[in-house]
């Protein structure tokens, strides 16, 4: 997975952290959790606020 795979990352996060409310996640935690996903293989420096917002929005959608 790459940073641009926001939907795929969101699904992986919802499976890895089923008891987490994505609306309550700060970007520092979100960033670290994405990096910790086993299938994630992108450069950590390529992330940014817009990318993290897209991942969080997709995760919120998944949770609903």
PDB file of N, CA and C in Angstrom:
ATOM      1  N   UNK A   1       0.840  -1.189   0.000  1.00  0.00           N
ATOM      2  CA  UNK A   1       0.000   0.000   0.000  1.00  0.00           C
ATOM      3  C   UNK A   1       0.877   1.243   0.000  1.00  0.00           C
ATOM      4  N   UNK A   2       0.379   2.251  -0.654  1.00  0.00           N
ATOM      5  CA  UNK A   2       1.042   3.558  -0.713  1.00  0.00           C
ATOM      6  C   UNK A   2       0.150   4.593  -0.027  1.00  0.00           C
ATOM      7  N   UNK A   3       0.693   5.774   0.255  1.00  0.00           N
ATOM      8  CA  UNK A   3      -0.079   6.831   0.914  1.00  0.00           C
ATOM      9  C   UNK A   3      -1.344   7.180   0.149  1.00  0.00           C
ATOM     10  N   UNK A   4      -1.314   7.047  -1.167  1.00  0.00           N
ATOM     11  CA  UNK A   4      -2.473   7.425  -1.981  1.00  0.00           C
ATOM     12  C   UNK A   4      -3.596   6.386  -1.949  1.00  0.00           C
ATOM     13  N   UNK A   5      -3.355   5.235  -1.356  1.00  0.00           N
ATOM     14  CA  UNK A   5      -4.369   4.182  -1.264  1.00  0.00           C
ATOM     15  C   UNK A   5      -5.234   4.378  -0.021  1.00  0.00           C
ATOM     16  N   UNK A   6      -5.859   5.545   0.089  1.00  0.00           N
ATOM     17  CA  UNK A   6      -6.569   5.896   1.324  1.00  0.00           C
ATOM     18  C   UNK A   6      -7.682   4.913   1.681  1.00  0.00           C
ATOM     19  N   UNK A   7      -8.431   4.446   0.694  1.00  0.00           N
ATOM     20  CA  UNK A   7      -9.527   3.508   0.983  1.00  0.00           C
ATOM     21  C   UNK A   7      -8.956   2.177   1.501  1.00  0.00           C
ATOM     22  N   UNK A   8      -7.943   1.679   0.849  1.00  0.00           N
ATOM     23  CA  UNK A   8      -7.317   0.420   1.257  1.00  0.00           C
ATOM     24  C   UNK A   8      -6.699   0.539   2.658  1.00  0.00           C
ATOM     25  N   UNK A   9      -6.064   1.660   2.923  1.00  0.00           N
ATOM     26  CA  UNK A   9      -5.486   1.905   4.251  1.00  0.00           C
ATOM     27  C   UNK A   9      -6.589   1.972   5.294  1.00  0.00           C
ATOM     28  N   UNK A  10      -7.676   2.648   4.966  1.00  0.00           N
ATOM     29  CA  UNK A  10      -8.799   2.768   5.905  1.00  0.00           C
ATOM     30  C   UNK A  10      -9.367   1.401   6.263  1.00  0.00           C
ATOM     31  N   UNK A  11      -9.508   0.542   5.281  1.00  0.00           N
ATOM     32  CA  UNK A  11     -10.017  -0.814   5.541  1.00  0.00           C
ATOM     33  C   UNK A  11      -9.049  -1.570   6.440  1.00  0.00           C
ATOM     34  N   UNK A  12      -7.758  -1.469   6.155  1.00  0.00           N
ATOM     35  CA  UNK A  12      -6.750  -2.149   6.970  1.00  0.00           C
ATOM     36  C   UNK A  12      -6.761  -1.623   8.405  1.00  0.00           C
ATOM     37  N   UNK A  13      -6.914  -0.315   8.563  1.00  0.00           N
ATOM     38  CA  UNK A  13      -6.954   0.263   9.909  1.00  0.00           C
ATOM     39  C   UNK A  13      -8.204  -0.163  10.662  1.00  0.00           C
ATOM     40  N   UNK A  14      -9.337  -0.225   9.973  1.00  0.00           N
ATOM     41  CA  UNK A  14     -10.569  -0.639  10.652  1.00  0.00           C
ATOM     42  C   UNK A  14     -10.493  -2.093  11.096  1.00  0.00           C
ATOM     43  N   UNK A  15      -9.761  -2.910  10.342  1.00  0.00           N
ATOM     44  CA  UNK A  15      -9.572  -4.311  10.730  1.00  0.00           C
ATOM     45  C   UNK A  15      -8.543  -4.433  11.852  1.00  0.00           C
ATOM     46  N   UNK A  16      -7.487  -3.628  11.810  1.00  0.00           N
ATOM     47  CA  UNK A  16      -6.420  -3.692  12.808  1.00  0.00           C
ATOM     48  C   UNK A  16      -6.832  -3.055  14.133  1.00  0.00           C
ATOM     49  N   UNK A  17      -7.720  -2.070  14.074  1.00  0.00           N
ATOM     50  CA  UNK A  17      -8.112  -1.329  15.273  1.00  0.00           C
ATOM     51  C   UNK A  17      -9.633  -1.195  15.324  1.00  0.00           C
ATOM     52  N   UNK A  18     -10.340  -2.324  15.495  1.00  0.00           N
ATOM     53  CA  UNK A  18     -11.808  -2.301  15.434  1.00  0.00           C
ATOM     54  C   UNK A  18     -12.477  -1.498  16.549  1.00  0.00           C
ATOM     55  N   UNK A  19     -11.804  -1.309  17.676  1.00  0.00           N
ATOM     56  CA  UNK A  19     -12.412  -0.577  18.794  1.00  0.00           C
ATOM     57  C   UNK A  19     -12.046   0.907  18.806  1.00  0.00           C
ATOM     58  N   UNK A  20     -11.388   1.378  17.752  1.00  0.00           N
ATOM     59  CA  UNK A  20     -10.961   2.775  17.683  1.00  0.00           C
ATOM     60  C   UNK A  20     -11.982   3.602  16.925  1.00  0.00           C
ATOM     61  N   UNK A  21     -12.344   4.747  17.497  1.00  0.00           N
ATOM     62  CA  UNK A  21     -13.233   5.697  16.817  1.00  0.00           C
ATOM     63  C   UNK A  21     -12.370   6.574  15.906  1.00  0.00           C
ATOM     64  N   UNK A  22     -12.488   6.426  14.586  1.00  0.00           N
ATOM     65  CA  UNK A  22     -11.625   7.187  13.682  1.00  0.00           C
ATOM     66  C   UNK A  22     -11.795   8.700  13.803  1.00  0.00           C
ATOM     67  N   UNK A  23     -12.940   9.150  14.315  1.00  0.00           N
ATOM     68  CA  UNK A  23     -13.162  10.592  14.480  1.00  0.00           C
ATOM     69  C   UNK A  23     -12.307  11.160  15.609  1.00  0.00           C
ATOM     70  N   UNK A  24     -11.874  10.294  16.530  1.00  0.00           N
ATOM     71  CA  UNK A  24     -11.124  10.746  17.705  1.00  0.00           C
ATOM     72  C   UNK A  24      -9.616  10.547  17.564  1.00  0.00           C
ATOM     73  N   UNK A  25      -9.162  10.144  16.383  1.00  0.00           N
ATOM     74  CA  UNK A  25      -7.742   9.845  16.184  1.00  0.00           C
ATOM     75  C   UNK A  25      -6.992  11.114  15.765  1.00  0.00           C
ATOM     76  N   UNK A  26      -5.867  11.373  16.435  1.00  0.00           N
ATOM     77  CA  UNK A  26      -5.041  12.513  16.013  1.00  0.00           C
ATOM     78  C   UNK A  26      -4.106  12.060  14.895  1.00  0.00           C
ATOM     79  N   UNK A  27      -3.579  13.021  14.154  1.00  0.00           N
ATOM     80  CA  UNK A  27      -2.773  12.700  12.972  1.00  0.00           C
ATOM     81  C   UNK A  27      -1.450  12.024  13.311  1.00  0.00           C
ATOM     82  N   UNK A  28      -0.891  12.305  14.484  1.00  0.00           N
ATOM     83  CA  UNK A  28       0.363  11.651  14.874  1.00  0.00           C
ATOM     84  C   UNK A  28       0.139  10.148  15.032  1.00  0.00           C
ATOM     85  N   UNK A  29      -0.935   9.787  15.750  1.00  0.00           N
ATOM     86  CA  UNK A  29      -1.265   8.364  15.915  1.00  0.00           C
ATOM     87  C   UNK A  29      -1.601   7.742  14.572  1.00  0.00           C
ATOM     88  N   UNK A  30      -2.424   8.420  13.783  1.00  0.00           N
ATOM     89  CA  UNK A  30      -2.826   7.895  12.480  1.00  0.00           C
ATOM     90  C   UNK A  30      -1.600   7.623  11.607  1.00  0.00           C
ATOM     91  N   UNK A  31      -0.697   8.558  11.557  1.00  0.00           N
ATOM     92  CA  UNK A  31       0.540   8.421  10.786  1.00  0.00           C
ATOM     93  C   UNK A  31       1.316   7.175  11.232  1.00  0.00           C
ATOM     94  N   UNK A  32       1.500   7.042  12.530  1.00  0.00           N
ATOM     95  CA  UNK A  32       2.258   5.892  13.057  1.00  0.00           C
ATOM     96  C   UNK A  32       1.544   4.571  12.814  1.00  0.00           C
ATOM     97  N   UNK A  33       0.228   4.565  12.929  1.00  0.00           N
ATOM     98  CA  UNK A  33      -0.536   3.335  12.695  1.00  0.00           C
ATOM     99  C   UNK A  33      -0.464   2.916  11.233  1.00  0.00           C
ATOM    100  N   UNK A  34      -0.493   3.879  10.326  1.00  0.00           N
ATOM    101  CA  UNK A  34      -0.367   3.548   8.899  1.00  0.00           C
ATOM    102  C   UNK A  34       1.005   2.937   8.638  1.00  0.00           C
ATOM    103  N   UNK A  35       2.048   3.553   9.176  1.00  0.00           N
ATOM    104  CA  UNK A  35       3.401   3.026   8.980  1.00  0.00           C
ATOM    105  C   UNK A  35       3.540   1.614   9.524  1.00  0.00           C
ATOM    106  N   UNK A  36       2.780   1.285  10.572  1.00  0.00           N
ATOM    107  CA  UNK A  36       2.869  -0.035  11.211  1.00  0.00           C
ATOM    108  C   UNK A  36       2.079  -1.118  10.472  1.00  0.00           C
ATOM    109  N   UNK A  37       1.244  -0.732   9.507  1.00  0.00           N
ATOM    110  CA  UNK A  37       0.469  -1.736   8.776  1.00  0.00           C
ATOM    111  C   UNK A  37       1.422  -2.657   8.005  1.00  0.00           C
ATOM    112  N   UNK A  38       1.191  -3.984   8.077  1.00  0.00           N
ATOM    113  CA  UNK A  38       2.121  -4.921   7.444  1.00  0.00           C
ATOM    114  C   UNK A  38       2.252  -4.765   5.923  1.00  0.00           C
ATOM    115  N   UNK A  39       1.194  -4.338   5.255  1.00  0.00           N
ATOM    116  CA  UNK A  39       1.234  -4.217   3.791  1.00  0.00           C
ATOM    117  C   UNK A  39       1.631  -2.820   3.315  1.00  0.00           C
ATOM    118  N   UNK A  40       1.933  -1.918   4.241  1.00  0.00           N
ATOM    119  CA  UNK A  40       2.298  -0.560   3.858  1.00  0.00           C
ATOM    120  C   UNK A  40       3.771  -0.498   3.491  1.00  0.00           C
ATOM    121  N   UNK A  41       4.058   0.094   2.331  1.00  0.00           N
ATOM    122  CA  UNK A  41       5.450   0.109   1.864  1.00  0.00           C
ATOM    123  C   UNK A  41       5.807   1.392   1.111  1.00  0.00           C
ATOM    124  N   UNK A  42       5.385   2.531   1.639  1.00  0.00           N
ATOM    125  CA  UNK A  42       5.702   3.800   0.987  1.00  0.00           C
ATOM    126  C   UNK A  42       6.687   4.585   1.855  1.00  0.00           C
ATOM    127  N   UNK A  43       7.253   5.622   1.285  1.00  0.00           N
ATOM    128  CA  UNK A  43       8.201   6.471   1.996  1.00  0.00           C
ATOM    129  C   UNK A  43       7.456   7.267   3.072  1.00  0.00           C
ATOM    130  N   UNK A  44       7.855   7.152   4.330  1.00  0.00           N
ATOM    131  CA  UNK A  44       7.184   7.891   5.407  1.00  0.00           C
ATOM    132  C   UNK A  44       7.175   9.401   5.183  1.00  0.00           C
ATOM    133  N   UNK A  45       8.135   9.925   4.452  1.00  0.00           N
ATOM    134  CA  UNK A  45       8.233  11.367   4.223  1.00  0.00           C
ATOM    135  C   UNK A  45       7.229  11.868   3.191  1.00  0.00           C
ATOM    136  N   UNK A  46       6.560  10.968   2.483  1.00  0.00           N
ATOM    137  CA  UNK A  46       5.618  11.387   1.435  1.00  0.00           C
ATOM    138  C   UNK A  46       4.238  11.717   1.990  1.00  0.00           C
ATOM    139  N   UNK A  47       4.052  11.538   3.273  1.00  0.00           N
ATOM    140  CA  UNK A  47       2.763  11.831   3.893  1.00  0.00           C
ATOM    141  C   UNK A  47       2.626  13.321   4.160  1.00  0.00           C
ATOM    142  N   UNK A  48       1.392  13.740   4.370  1.00  0.00           N
ATOM    143  CA  UNK A  48       1.112  15.129   4.714  1.00  0.00           C
ATOM    144  C   UNK A  48      -0.290  15.233   5.277  1.00  0.00           C
ATOM    145  N   UNK A  49      -0.656  16.421   5.691  1.00  0.00           N
ATOM    146  CA  UNK A  49      -1.960  16.624   6.320  1.00  0.00           C
ATOM    147  C   UNK A  49      -3.115  16.227   5.396  1.00  0.00           C
ATOM    148  N   UNK A  50      -3.023  16.584   4.119  1.00  0.00           N
ATOM    149  CA  UNK A  50      -4.102  16.253   3.166  1.00  0.00           C
ATOM    150  C   UNK A  50      -4.271  14.745   3.025  1.00  0.00           C
ATOM    151  N   UNK A  51      -3.163  14.037   2.968  1.00  0.00           N
ATOM    152  CA  UNK A  51      -3.210  12.575   2.835  1.00  0.00           C
ATOM    153  C   UNK A  51      -3.821  11.954   4.090  1.00  0.00           C
ATOM    154  N   UNK A  52      -3.386  12.420   5.254  1.00  0.00           N
ATOM    155  CA  UNK A  52      -3.929  11.886   6.503  1.00  0.00           C
ATOM    156  C   UNK A  52      -5.417  12.208   6.637  1.00  0.00           C
ATOM    157  N   UNK A  53      -5.825  13.385   6.202  1.00  0.00           N
ATOM    158  CA  UNK A  53      -7.254  13.743   6.210  1.00  0.00           C
ATOM    159  C   UNK A  53      -8.054  12.795   5.324  1.00  0.00           C
ATOM    160  N   UNK A  54      -7.533  12.472   4.155  1.00  0.00           N
ATOM    161  CA  UNK A  54      -8.223  11.565   3.234  1.00  0.00           C
ATOM    162  C   UNK A  54      -8.344  10.162   3.839  1.00  0.00           C
ATOM    163  N   UNK A  55      -7.273   9.708   4.485  1.00  0.00           N
ATOM    164  CA  UNK A  55      -7.306   8.389   5.126  1.00  0.00           C
ATOM    165  C   UNK A  55      -8.323   8.389   6.257  1.00  0.00           C
ATOM    166  N   UNK A  56      -8.307   9.436   7.085  1.00  0.00           N
ATOM    167  CA  UNK A  56      -9.245   9.506   8.201  1.00  0.00           C
ATOM    168  C   UNK A  56     -10.691   9.565   7.699  1.00  0.00           C
ATOM    169  N   UNK A  57     -10.944  10.333   6.648  1.00  0.00           N
ATOM    170  CA  UNK A  57     -12.300  10.429   6.095  1.00  0.00           C
ATOM    171  C   UNK A  57     -12.767   9.076   5.570  1.00  0.00           C
ATOM    172  N   UNK A  58     -11.884   8.365   4.902  1.00  0.00           N
ATOM    173  CA  UNK A  58     -12.241   7.048   4.380  1.00  0.00           C
ATOM    174  C   UNK A  58     -12.491   6.067   5.529  1.00  0.00           C
ATOM    175  N   UNK A  59     -11.711   6.171   6.585  1.00  0.00           N
ATOM    176  CA  UNK A  59     -11.877   5.292   7.748  1.00  0.00           C
ATOM    177  C   UNK A  59     -13.220   5.578   8.439  1.00  0.00           C
ATOM    178  N   UNK A  60     -13.566   6.868   8.554  1.00  0.00           N
ATOM    179  CA  UNK A  60     -14.868   7.233   9.147  1.00  0.00           C
ATOM    180  C   UNK A  60     -15.989   6.650   8.315  1.00  0.00           C
ATOM    181  N   UNK A  61     -15.872   6.733   6.992  1.00  0.00           N
ATOM    182  CA  UNK A  61     -16.882   6.156   6.096  1.00  0.00           C
ATOM    183  C   UNK A  61     -16.990   4.642   6.302  1.00  0.00           C
ATOM    184  N   UNK A  62     -15.841   3.981   6.419  1.00  0.00           N
ATOM    185  CA  UNK A  62     -15.824   2.535   6.650  1.00  0.00           C
ATOM    186  C   UNK A  62     -16.535   2.172   7.946  1.00  0.00           C
ATOM    187  N   UNK A  63     -16.333   2.993   8.969  1.00  0.00           N
ATOM    188  CA  UNK A  63     -16.877   2.701  10.297  1.00  0.00           C
ATOM    189  C   UNK A  63     -18.400   2.879  10.348  1.00  0.00           C
ATOM    190  N   UNK A  64     -18.938   3.661   9.429  1.00  0.00           N
ATOM    191  CA  UNK A  64     -20.386   3.951   9.461  1.00  0.00           C
ATOM    192  C   UNK A  64     -21.213   2.971   8.710  1.00  0.00           C
TER     193      UNK A  64
END
